[in-house]
Protein backbone atom coordinates (compact mmCIF):
# COMPACT_ATOMS: atom_id res chain seq x y z
CA MET A 1 -95.78 -5.19 -13.21
CA GLU A 2 -93.24 -7.93 -12.65
CA LYS A 3 -91.89 -7.50 -16.17
CA LEU A 4 -91.41 -3.74 -15.70
CA SER A 5 -89.61 -4.27 -12.41
CA ALA A 6 -87.21 -6.79 -13.96
CA GLU A 7 -86.38 -4.47 -16.85
CA SER A 8 -85.71 -1.60 -14.45
CA LYS A 9 -83.36 -3.76 -12.40
CA GLU A 10 -81.53 -4.93 -15.53
CA ASN A 11 -81.00 -1.31 -16.73
CA TRP A 12 -79.61 -0.31 -13.34
CA LEU A 13 -77.11 -3.21 -13.30
CA SER A 14 -75.98 -2.55 -16.86
CA TRP A 15 -75.30 1.10 -16.12
CA PHE A 16 -73.48 0.13 -12.92
CA PHE A 17 -71.13 -2.20 -14.76
CA ARG A 18 -70.63 0.35 -17.54
CA GLY A 19 -69.69 2.89 -14.88
CA LEU A 20 -67.16 0.50 -13.38
CA ILE A 21 -65.61 -0.09 -16.79
CA ILE A 22 -65.44 3.63 -17.52
CA LEU A 23 -63.94 4.31 -14.08
CA GLY A 24 -61.36 1.60 -14.66
CA PHE A 25 -60.36 3.13 -17.98
CA LEU A 26 -60.13 6.57 -16.36
CA LEU A 27 -57.86 5.18 -13.63
CA LEU A 28 -55.67 3.45 -16.16
CA PHE A 29 -55.50 6.61 -18.25
CA ALA A 30 -54.60 8.70 -15.18
CA ARG A 31 -51.92 6.19 -14.23
CA LEU A 32 -50.57 6.28 -17.78
CA ILE A 33 -50.35 10.07 -17.63
CA GLU A 34 -48.56 9.84 -14.25
CA LEU A 35 -46.04 7.32 -15.54
CA GLN A 36 -45.41 9.01 -18.86
CA LEU A 37 -45.70 12.71 -18.15
CA ILE A 38 -45.37 13.28 -14.44
CA LYS A 39 -42.87 10.58 -13.34
CA GLY A 40 -41.49 9.60 -16.69
CA ASN A 41 -38.16 11.33 -16.13
CA TYR A 42 -37.86 9.81 -12.64
CA TYR A 43 -38.30 6.25 -13.88
CA ARG A 44 -36.00 6.90 -16.81
CA VAL A 45 -33.24 7.98 -14.39
CA LEU A 46 -34.00 5.02 -12.15
CA SER A 47 -33.71 2.69 -15.14
CA ASP A 48 -30.39 4.24 -16.08
CA GLN A 49 -29.14 3.82 -12.52
CA ASN A 50 -30.07 0.16 -12.58
CA ARG A 51 -28.26 -0.13 -15.88
CA ILE A 52 -25.13 1.73 -14.73
CA ARG A 53 -22.84 0.61 -11.91
CA LYS A 54 -20.32 2.92 -10.20
CA ILE A 55 -17.10 1.28 -9.05
CA PRO A 56 -15.24 3.63 -6.63
CA ILE A 57 -11.47 4.00 -7.05
CA LEU A 58 -9.76 5.11 -3.85
CA ALA A 59 -7.46 8.11 -4.11
CA PRO A 60 -3.93 7.92 -2.66
CA ARG A 61 -3.28 10.13 0.34
CA GLY A 62 -0.46 12.65 0.27
CA LYS A 63 2.92 11.52 1.56
CA ILE A 64 4.43 12.76 4.83
CA LEU A 65 8.07 13.70 4.30
CA ALA A 66 11.03 14.31 6.60
CA ARG A 67 13.02 17.54 6.39
CA GLY A 68 15.44 15.84 4.00
CA GLY A 69 12.67 14.56 1.74
CA GLU A 70 12.68 10.99 3.06
CA ILE A 71 9.28 9.29 3.16
CA LEU A 72 7.97 9.01 6.70
CA VAL A 73 4.50 7.92 5.56
CA GLY A 74 3.73 6.84 2.01
CA ASN A 75 1.54 4.53 -0.08
CA LYS A 76 1.89 1.12 -1.68
CA GLU A 77 0.22 0.46 -5.04
CA VAL A 78 -2.20 -2.45 -5.04
CA LYS A 79 -3.67 -3.75 -8.32
CA LYS A 80 -7.24 -5.02 -8.15
CA ALA A 81 -9.53 -6.77 -10.60
CA ILE A 82 -13.16 -5.71 -11.02
CA VAL A 83 -15.05 -9.02 -10.87
CA PHE A 84 -18.79 -9.73 -11.12
CA ASN A 85 -20.32 -11.71 -8.25
CA PRO A 86 -23.88 -12.94 -8.98
CA GLU A 87 -24.85 -12.53 -5.31
CA THR A 88 -23.22 -9.22 -4.38
CA GLY A 89 -22.58 -7.54 -7.73
CA PHE A 90 -19.25 -6.09 -8.76
CA GLU A 91 -16.31 -6.53 -6.37
CA LYS A 92 -12.65 -5.46 -6.28
CA ARG A 93 -10.31 -8.38 -5.73
CA GLN A 94 -6.55 -8.44 -5.29
CA ASP A 95 -6.26 -11.70 -7.23
CA TRP A 96 -5.93 -10.16 -10.68
CA GLN A 97 -3.63 -12.67 -12.39
CA GLY A 98 -5.01 -13.75 -15.76
CA ILE A 99 -7.64 -11.01 -15.75
CA ASN A 100 -8.13 -8.83 -18.84
CA PRO A 101 -6.01 -5.66 -18.33
CA THR A 102 -9.07 -3.51 -18.96
CA GLU A 103 -10.64 -5.04 -15.84
CA ILE A 104 -7.71 -4.03 -13.57
CA ILE A 105 -7.45 -0.81 -11.56
CA SER A 106 -4.74 0.55 -9.27
CA GLU A 107 -5.47 1.58 -5.68
CA TRP A 108 -3.19 2.61 -2.83
CA VAL A 109 -2.70 1.29 0.67
CA ARG A 110 -1.16 3.49 3.38
CA ASP A 111 2.39 2.51 4.28
CA TYR A 112 4.30 3.49 7.41
CA PRO A 113 7.98 2.65 6.75
CA LEU A 114 9.09 3.53 10.29
CA GLY A 115 6.24 1.58 11.86
CA SER A 116 6.12 2.10 15.62
CA LYS A 117 9.08 4.51 15.53
CA PHE A 118 6.92 7.34 14.22
CA ALA A 119 3.40 6.29 15.19
CA HIS A 120 2.51 9.01 17.71
CA VAL A 121 3.54 11.70 15.24
CA SER A 122 2.12 10.15 12.09
CA GLY A 123 -1.14 8.89 13.57
CA TYR A 124 -2.97 6.15 11.67
CA LEU A 125 -6.02 5.52 9.49
CA GLY A 126 -9.36 4.22 10.68
CA GLU A 127 -12.76 3.59 9.10
CA VAL A 128 -15.37 6.32 9.41
CA ASN A 129 -17.89 5.63 12.14
CA LYS A 130 -21.66 5.65 11.80
CA ASP A 131 -21.89 9.26 12.91
CA GLU A 132 -19.47 10.38 10.18
CA VAL A 133 -20.99 8.51 7.22
CA GLY A 134 -22.58 10.87 4.72
CA LYS A 135 -21.24 13.97 6.45
CA ILE A 136 -18.79 16.48 5.02
CA ASN A 137 -15.77 17.74 6.91
CA PRO A 138 -16.49 21.48 7.15
CA SER A 139 -12.78 22.22 6.89
CA CYS A 140 -12.53 20.63 3.43
CA LEU A 141 -15.84 20.79 1.58
CA ASP A 142 -14.18 19.80 -1.71
CA LYS A 143 -13.56 16.27 -0.43
CA GLY A 144 -17.28 15.53 -0.41
CA PRO A 145 -19.29 13.38 2.05
CA ARG A 146 -17.58 10.53 3.85
CA LYS A 147 -18.59 7.11 2.61
CA LEU A 148 -19.15 3.87 4.46
CA GLY A 149 -15.90 1.91 4.67
CA SER A 150 -13.66 4.87 3.76
CA LEU A 151 -10.56 5.65 5.83
CA VAL A 152 -9.77 8.90 7.63
CA GLY A 153 -6.88 10.11 9.77
CA ARG A 154 -6.92 9.27 13.45
CA GLY A 155 -4.38 10.95 15.70
CA GLY A 156 -1.09 12.62 14.78
CA LEU A 157 -0.49 14.38 11.49
CA GLU A 158 -2.96 12.10 9.70
CA GLU A 159 -5.81 13.66 11.67
CA GLU A 160 -4.45 17.19 12.06
CA TYR A 161 -3.82 17.59 8.32
CA GLU A 162 -6.66 15.39 7.03
CA CYS A 163 -7.82 18.05 4.58
CA VAL A 164 -4.34 18.32 3.06
CA LEU A 165 -3.51 14.61 2.93
CA ALA A 166 -6.87 13.22 1.80
CA GLY A 167 -7.43 12.87 -1.92
CA ILE A 168 -10.65 12.81 -3.96
CA ASP A 169 -11.81 9.34 -4.96
CA GLY A 170 -12.44 8.47 -8.61
CA GLU A 171 -14.89 5.98 -10.12
CA GLU A 172 -15.48 3.74 -13.11
CA LEU A 173 -18.92 3.67 -14.77
CA ILE A 174 -20.03 0.27 -16.09
CA GLU A 175 -23.15 -0.56 -18.11
CA VAL A 176 -24.79 -3.86 -17.15
CA ASP A 177 -27.56 -6.04 -18.53
CA THR A 178 -30.73 -7.17 -16.76
CA LEU A 179 -28.73 -9.85 -14.95
CA GLY A 180 -26.24 -7.30 -13.68
CA GLN A 181 -23.38 -8.49 -15.86
CA LYS A 182 -21.03 -6.06 -17.51
CA ILE A 183 -21.71 -4.94 -21.06
CA ARG A 184 -19.17 -2.17 -21.45
CA VAL A 185 -17.22 0.60 -19.65
CA LEU A 186 -18.95 3.95 -20.10
CA GLY A 187 -16.24 6.10 -18.58
CA LYS A 188 -13.64 6.49 -15.88
CA LYS A 189 -12.94 9.36 -13.50
CA ASN A 190 -9.39 9.14 -12.20
CA PRO A 191 -8.82 9.76 -8.48
CA VAL A 192 -7.03 12.93 -7.35
CA SER A 193 -4.22 12.27 -4.88
CA GLY A 194 -3.82 14.29 -1.69
CA GLU A 195 -1.06 16.84 -1.17
CA ASP A 196 2.30 15.91 0.33
CA LEU A 197 3.24 17.22 3.76
CA LYS A 198 6.80 18.39 4.50
CA THR A 199 7.81 18.17 8.17
CA SER A 200 10.79 19.33 10.21
CA ILE A 201 11.49 15.76 11.41
CA ASP A 202 15.04 14.46 11.05
CA PHE A 203 14.63 10.97 9.58
CA GLY A 204 17.75 9.42 11.10
CA LEU A 205 17.36 10.98 14.54
CA GLN A 206 13.74 9.88 14.72
CA GLN A 207 14.80 6.26 14.28
CA LYS A 208 17.54 6.58 16.88
CA LEU A 209 15.19 7.95 19.53
CA ALA A 210 13.09 4.81 19.20
CA ASP A 211 16.15 2.56 19.31
CA PHE A 212 17.54 4.23 22.44
CA MET A 213 14.16 4.07 24.25
CA GLU A 214 13.47 0.43 23.45
CA GLY A 215 12.10 -1.45 26.44
CA LYS A 216 11.43 1.74 28.42
CA LYS A 217 8.33 3.80 29.14
CA GLY A 218 8.71 7.51 28.56
CA ALA A 219 9.22 10.16 25.92
CA VAL A 220 11.91 12.08 24.06
CA VAL A 221 11.47 15.48 22.42
CA ALA A 222 14.10 17.27 20.31
CA THR A 223 13.56 20.72 18.82
CA ASP A 224 15.58 23.68 17.66
CA THR A 225 15.32 27.01 19.48
CA ASN A 226 12.78 28.28 16.92
CA GLY A 227 10.27 25.60 17.89
CA GLU A 228 10.75 23.27 14.92
CA VAL A 229 10.37 19.67 16.09
CA ILE A 230 13.41 17.65 15.00
CA ALA A 231 12.36 14.34 16.57
CA PHE A 232 9.54 13.21 18.82
CA TYR A 233 8.92 9.80 20.34
CA SER A 234 6.67 8.23 22.98
CA SER A 235 7.40 4.76 24.31
CA PRO A 236 5.98 2.16 24.14
CA SER A 237 4.45 2.62 20.72
CA PHE A 238 2.38 0.74 18.15
CA ASP A 239 2.64 -0.07 14.45
CA PRO A 240 0.07 1.86 12.35
CA ASN A 241 0.46 -0.74 9.59
CA THR A 242 -1.24 -3.26 11.87
CA LEU A 243 -4.33 -1.10 12.26
CA ILE A 244 -5.09 -1.03 8.53
CA ASN A 245 -4.57 -4.78 8.12
CA LYS A 246 -8.02 -6.37 8.27
CA SER A 247 -6.53 -9.77 9.01
CA ALA A 248 -4.66 -8.53 12.11
CA GLY A 249 -7.63 -8.52 14.47
CA SER A 250 -5.91 -10.47 17.24
CA GLU A 251 -2.85 -8.21 17.11
CA ILE A 252 -5.03 -5.10 17.38
CA VAL A 253 -6.84 -6.53 20.40
CA LYS A 254 -3.47 -7.25 22.00
CA ILE A 255 -2.37 -3.64 21.49
CA LEU A 256 -5.62 -2.32 22.94
CA LYS A 257 -5.30 -4.50 26.05
CA ASP A 258 -1.61 -3.78 26.64
CA GLU A 259 -1.31 -2.42 30.20
CA ASN A 260 1.64 -0.25 29.11
CA LEU A 261 -0.76 1.81 26.97
CA PRO A 262 1.09 2.00 23.64
CA PHE A 263 -1.55 4.39 22.23
CA PHE A 264 -0.89 6.86 25.05
CA ASN A 265 1.23 9.76 23.81
CA ARG A 266 3.34 10.48 26.88
CA ALA A 267 5.15 13.41 25.26
CA ILE A 268 2.02 15.58 25.08
CA GLY A 269 -0.67 13.69 26.98
CA GLY A 270 1.08 12.69 30.19
CA GLN A 271 1.54 14.85 33.28
CA PHE A 272 4.68 14.06 35.27
CA HIS A 273 6.39 15.68 38.24
CA PRO A 274 9.44 17.39 36.71
CA GLY A 275 11.76 17.26 39.70
CA SER A 276 15.01 19.16 39.32
CA VAL A 277 14.62 20.00 35.62
CA PHE A 278 12.27 22.71 36.95
CA LYS A 279 15.09 24.38 38.90
CA PRO A 280 16.48 26.47 35.98
CA ILE A 281 13.05 28.14 35.77
CA VAL A 282 13.08 28.87 39.50
CA ALA A 283 16.56 30.37 39.15
CA VAL A 284 15.43 32.64 36.29
CA ALA A 285 12.42 33.72 38.35
CA ALA A 286 14.50 34.57 41.44
CA LEU A 287 17.06 36.52 39.38
CA SER A 288 14.38 38.35 37.38
CA GLU A 289 12.44 39.33 40.51
CA GLY A 290 15.64 40.67 42.11
CA LYS A 291 15.46 38.22 45.01
CA ILE A 292 19.05 37.15 44.30
CA ASP A 293 21.84 38.10 41.94
CA LYS A 294 24.81 36.30 40.47
CA ASN A 295 26.87 36.91 43.62
CA PHE A 296 24.24 35.71 46.08
CA THR A 297 25.52 32.90 48.33
CA PHE A 298 23.86 30.59 50.78
CA ASP A 299 25.43 28.68 53.65
CA TYR A 300 24.25 25.28 52.62
CA PRO A 301 22.76 23.08 55.33
CA GLY A 302 22.05 19.45 54.61
CA ILE A 303 18.52 19.79 55.94
CA ILE A 304 16.00 22.50 56.79
CA THR A 305 13.57 21.86 59.66
CA ILE A 306 10.33 23.79 60.12
CA ASP A 307 8.30 22.79 63.17
CA LYS A 308 8.20 19.00 62.98
CA TYR A 309 8.83 18.79 59.21
CA SER A 310 12.26 18.30 57.65
CA TYR A 311 13.29 19.15 54.10
CA SER A 312 16.61 17.64 53.10
CA ASN A 313 18.97 17.66 50.12
CA TRP A 314 19.79 14.54 48.12
CA PHE A 315 23.54 14.84 48.81
CA PHE A 316 22.94 14.91 52.56
CA SER A 317 20.31 12.13 52.43
CA GLN A 318 22.48 9.78 50.36
CA HIS A 319 25.97 10.60 51.64
CA GLY A 320 25.48 12.54 54.87
CA LYS A 321 27.55 15.44 53.54
CA THR A 322 27.10 19.17 53.01
CA GLU A 323 28.70 21.48 50.44
CA GLY A 324 29.37 24.68 52.40
CA THR A 325 28.63 28.10 50.96
CA ILE A 326 27.24 28.00 47.41
CA GLY A 327 25.76 30.36 44.81
CA VAL A 328 23.16 29.85 42.11
CA ILE A 329 25.62 28.44 39.53
CA LYS A 330 26.92 25.73 41.84
CA ALA A 331 23.42 25.07 43.18
CA LEU A 332 22.30 24.26 39.62
CA ALA A 333 25.38 22.17 38.93
CA ARG A 334 24.92 20.18 42.13
CA SER A 335 21.10 20.31 42.07
CA THR A 336 21.06 21.50 45.67
CA ASP A 337 17.51 21.20 47.00
CA THR A 338 17.99 23.35 50.11
CA PHE A 339 19.22 26.27 47.99
CA PHE A 340 16.06 26.12 45.86
CA TYR A 341 13.85 25.73 48.95
CA LYS A 342 15.09 29.18 49.96
CA LEU A 343 14.61 30.60 46.45
CA GLY A 344 11.03 29.39 46.57
CA GLU A 345 10.60 31.03 49.96
CA PHE A 346 12.10 34.30 48.65
CA LEU A 347 9.74 34.30 45.68
CA GLY A 348 6.61 33.15 47.44
CA ALA A 349 4.03 30.71 46.12
CA GLU A 350 2.17 33.20 43.90
CA LYS A 351 5.28 34.40 42.08
CA LEU A 352 6.51 30.84 41.71
CA SER A 353 3.23 29.89 40.04
CA GLN A 354 3.25 32.99 37.84
CA TRP A 355 6.73 32.28 36.53
CA ALA A 356 5.86 28.66 35.84
CA GLY A 357 2.98 30.02 33.76
CA THR A 358 5.28 32.49 32.01
CA PHE A 359 7.30 29.52 30.76
CA GLY A 360 4.12 27.83 29.52
CA LEU A 361 3.87 25.04 32.06
CA ASP A 362 0.17 25.65 32.76
CA GLN A 363 -1.09 25.48 29.19
CA LYS A 364 -0.91 23.53 25.96
CA SER A 365 2.12 24.29 23.85
CA GLY A 366 0.01 24.39 20.68
CA ILE A 367 1.91 21.67 18.79
CA ASP A 368 0.17 20.63 15.55
CA ILE A 369 -0.95 17.13 16.53
CA PRO A 370 -4.11 16.36 18.55
CA GLY A 371 -4.25 14.95 22.05
CA GLU A 372 -2.20 17.54 23.93
CA ILE A 373 -3.03 18.53 27.50
CA GLY A 374 -1.69 21.37 29.61
CA GLY A 375 0.35 20.98 32.76
CA LEU A 376 -0.81 21.55 36.32
CA VAL A 377 0.77 24.51 38.11
CA PRO A 378 -0.59 24.70 41.67
CA SER A 379 -1.17 27.89 43.65
CA PRO A 380 -2.65 28.73 47.07
CA GLU A 381 -5.96 29.59 45.41
CA TRP A 382 -5.95 26.31 43.46
CA LYS A 383 -5.19 24.22 46.53
CA LEU A 384 -7.96 25.83 48.57
CA LYS A 385 -10.48 25.40 45.77
CA VAL A 386 -9.56 21.84 44.74
CA LYS A 387 -8.33 20.29 47.97
CA GLY A 388 -10.04 22.52 50.51
CA GLU A 389 -6.72 23.05 52.27
CA PRO A 390 -4.55 26.12 52.94
CA TRP A 391 -1.11 26.53 51.38
CA PHE A 392 1.92 25.93 53.61
CA LEU A 393 5.58 26.88 53.30
CA GLY A 394 6.31 23.20 52.75
CA ASN A 395 4.17 23.31 49.60
CA THR A 396 6.36 26.15 48.33
CA TYR A 397 9.50 24.15 49.12
CA HIS A 398 8.21 21.12 47.23
CA MET A 399 7.16 23.17 44.22
CA ALA A 400 10.54 24.94 44.09
CA ILE A 401 12.25 21.61 43.39
CA GLY A 402 9.62 20.42 40.91
CA GLN A 403 7.65 18.25 43.32
CA GLY A 404 4.34 18.48 45.15
CA ASP A 405 1.35 18.98 42.86
CA LEU A 406 3.38 20.44 40.00
CA ALA A 407 2.99 18.23 36.92
CA VAL A 408 4.00 18.93 33.33
CA THR A 409 4.34 17.24 29.95
CA PRO A 410 7.78 16.50 28.45
CA LEU A 411 7.00 18.85 25.56
CA GLU A 412 6.23 21.71 27.97
CA ILE A 413 9.55 21.24 29.76
CA ASN A 414 11.36 21.18 26.43
CA GLN A 415 9.61 24.41 25.43
CA ALA A 416 10.64 26.06 28.72
CA ILE A 417 14.29 24.96 28.47
CA SER A 418 14.36 26.09 24.83
CA THR A 419 13.25 29.54 26.02
CA ILE A 420 16.33 29.73 28.27
CA ALA A 421 18.58 28.36 25.52
CA SER A 422 17.34 30.92 22.96
CA GLY A 423 17.75 33.95 25.18
CA GLY A 424 14.09 34.36 26.08
CA LYS A 425 12.33 33.39 22.85
CA PHE A 426 9.16 31.43 23.72
CA CYS A 427 8.15 29.43 20.63
CA GLN A 428 5.15 27.31 19.80
CA PRO A 429 6.47 23.91 18.68
CA LYS A 430 5.53 22.88 15.15
CA ILE A 431 6.09 19.77 13.06
CA VAL A 432 4.77 21.31 9.83
CA GLY A 433 5.23 24.93 8.88
CA LYS A 434 6.91 27.83 10.62
CA PRO A 435 6.49 28.19 14.41
CA SER A 436 5.38 31.46 15.99
CA CYS A 437 7.54 32.94 18.75
CA LEU A 438 7.11 35.50 21.52
CA ASN A 439 9.96 37.41 23.13
CA LEU A 440 9.61 37.21 26.93
CA SER A 441 12.06 40.13 27.37
CA LEU A 442 14.17 38.27 29.93
CA LYS A 443 17.42 39.96 30.92
CA LYS A 444 20.41 38.48 29.13
CA GLU A 445 22.62 38.61 32.24
CA ASN A 446 20.13 36.51 34.23
CA LEU A 447 19.85 33.88 31.50
CA THR A 448 23.65 33.82 31.21
CA VAL A 449 23.93 32.93 34.92
CA VAL A 450 21.45 30.08 34.55
CA LYS A 451 23.19 28.82 31.40
CA GLU A 452 26.52 28.81 33.25
CA GLY A 453 24.97 26.66 35.94
CA MET A 454 23.55 24.26 33.37
CA VAL A 455 26.92 24.05 31.61
CA ASP A 456 28.52 23.11 34.95
CA VAL A 457 25.95 20.34 35.39
CA CYS A 458 27.69 18.50 32.54
CA ARG A 459 31.22 19.21 33.79
CA PRO A 460 33.16 17.30 36.44
CA GLY A 461 31.54 18.00 39.78
CA GLY A 462 28.05 18.39 38.28
CA THR A 463 25.30 15.78 38.39
CA GLY A 464 25.36 15.10 34.62
CA PHE A 465 28.37 12.80 34.77
CA THR A 466 27.56 11.09 31.46
CA PHE A 467 28.68 14.28 29.66
CA PHE A 468 31.92 14.94 31.55
CA ASP A 469 33.95 13.82 28.53
CA PHE A 470 31.64 15.21 25.85
CA GLY A 471 33.59 16.96 23.12
CA ASN A 472 31.03 19.64 22.23
CA PRO A 473 29.76 22.47 24.45
CA VAL A 474 26.54 21.39 26.13
CA ALA A 475 24.29 22.73 28.89
CA CYS A 476 22.09 20.28 30.76
CA LYS A 477 20.08 19.50 33.87
CA THR A 478 19.27 16.23 35.57
CA GLY A 479 16.02 15.45 37.31
CA THR A 480 14.84 12.68 39.63
CA ALA A 481 11.19 13.17 40.53
CA GLU A 482 9.46 11.27 43.31
CA THR A 483 6.13 9.69 42.35
CA ASN A 484 4.84 8.13 45.59
CA GLN A 485 4.46 4.87 43.65
CA ASP A 486 6.48 2.06 45.23
CA GLY A 487 9.36 4.46 45.78
CA LYS A 488 10.05 4.65 42.03
CA THR A 489 11.11 7.95 40.49
CA HIS A 490 10.83 9.56 37.07
CA ALA A 491 14.21 9.99 35.39
CA TRP A 492 14.64 13.30 33.51
CA PHE A 493 17.42 14.86 31.49
CA VAL A 494 17.29 18.13 29.54
CA ALA A 495 20.09 19.56 27.41
CA PHE A 496 20.88 22.03 24.65
CA SER A 497 23.95 22.29 22.46
CA PRO A 498 26.06 24.14 21.43
CA THR A 499 25.68 26.44 24.43
CA ASP A 500 26.18 29.79 22.63
CA PHE A 501 24.07 29.18 19.53
CA PRO A 502 22.03 26.03 20.24
CA GLU A 503 20.90 23.92 17.30
CA ILE A 504 19.19 21.20 19.34
CA VAL A 505 17.17 21.24 22.57
CA LEU A 506 16.60 17.79 24.06
CA THR A 507 14.29 16.40 26.75
CA VAL A 508 14.37 12.77 27.88
CA LEU A 509 11.88 11.24 30.33
CA VAL A 510 11.94 7.64 31.51
CA GLU A 511 8.73 7.05 33.43
CA ARG A 512 9.42 5.57 36.87
CA GLY A 513 12.86 4.69 35.56
CA GLY A 514 15.14 5.75 38.44
CA GLU A 515 17.69 8.55 38.71
CA GLY A 516 17.92 11.09 35.93
CA SER A 517 21.71 11.08 35.80
CA LYS A 518 21.95 7.29 35.65
CA VAL A 519 18.96 6.44 33.43
CA ALA A 520 17.91 9.41 31.28
CA GLY A 521 21.41 10.93 31.02
CA PRO A 522 22.96 8.01 29.08
CA ILE A 523 20.07 8.12 26.59
CA ALA A 524 20.64 11.85 26.04
CA ARG A 525 24.34 11.17 25.56
CA LYS A 526 23.66 8.58 22.86
CA ILE A 527 21.32 10.96 21.08
CA LEU A 528 23.80 13.85 21.05
CA ASP A 529 26.67 11.53 20.11
CA TYR A 530 24.66 10.46 17.07
CA TRP A 531 23.69 14.05 16.29
CA TYR A 532 27.26 15.33 16.21
CA ASN A 533 28.89 12.27 14.67
CA ARG A 534 26.32 12.23 11.90
CA THR A 535 26.27 15.96 11.10
CA ASN A 536 29.96 16.85 11.55
């Protein structure tokens, strides 16, 4: 019995081990089928990918050109050598001297020839962030997904026209051995450069704006009456070349911490009380609504008192004098506050707000660079909703001279003054392409009266004394806007010339700079002197 039991146990063990061996062979066979038939193509591709390295070649961006073809933003060629690093693989290095020419590629670095003088218009380049990596810009699908470390436009034209300016990167395919070292070049796909962008910017004038605003905070905008932007500058500014220099970390930090906010685009992103440069709009409104006509006169007092509140005129406050009986033309020329207090009263707060909106002061102008905000045009409804207070006659008085809660951007004021200069053509400002315009159907005779007043501003007796000896016909308006900040005022000056068929509309703002006639006026004079001496 013992012998039979032992034999039975031996047979069971032998069959068990045979089963294990058969199962092992079946598993190996199944794995072989998986590797060869099912996943063979996958591993073949994977092997090829390990054997082939892709070296990206950055595409040059399109150039940004001035109206005369000058390069406002361009590219600098940088030669790089493709070098093998045992630790990191293939790298692109700028030290290419002595390297085999077949190992050298050309790439392009963005170049901003005007530096800080054009920064708020040009914008700059910055690396894609983590949320952008691998994603495609829906506006330009042909550019493909954004890659880690690649540069895209930030601000200005670089951002607004990213799909036009950005190129399509190329690549070089390299076959490597098991150690990762190069065997041969399999092929090369050349990069496709971006398209050039032609602007309406005047190259020389753009530089002069920056020169004349050096050391000041503010903005200057120059357009034609069709809305084409001739020059555009916000001060202080920054150099976009610094932001793409990886070794300039300390300089970038300094710019970011600058309390004067050089990245802040004051021309389109800052709201400022306009002061007396708003008065031409009030005059158009009063004439258009039939509240006054060209022959209307007002016995000018130096001060108007309502209950316990007094509203004075600058001439009376500074010199203790009055100017007798005046009409709208002289009131513009002398910037007579009390005259415009009464115009505001004639119009009423609602009409005053509506006309400010008609001239675009409550909305974005639609200029083709990002970062624009609309102005603030107050109304009785707005004040009750926001401040929980009723509207008083004093609020109307303040608004009628460009004070109170009224706040606008320099570009909005330029757009409004351009509308007067052009005979009622309200145009969307554009830096690239043709602007769109809307005819406001303003009566020619009313605009003529306001233009006459603005012409007299720059004649002897007006407040624009810096233009008294100017040789070309010019219409202008000074502005000194209170800010309630240490008694400092914003200095404004707007002008257009020639008066009959204007070719340039100019707005100058010096933030908390003082009186418009003394501070902003001389800057405007320098700009127009350059404009006429250069073009004539």
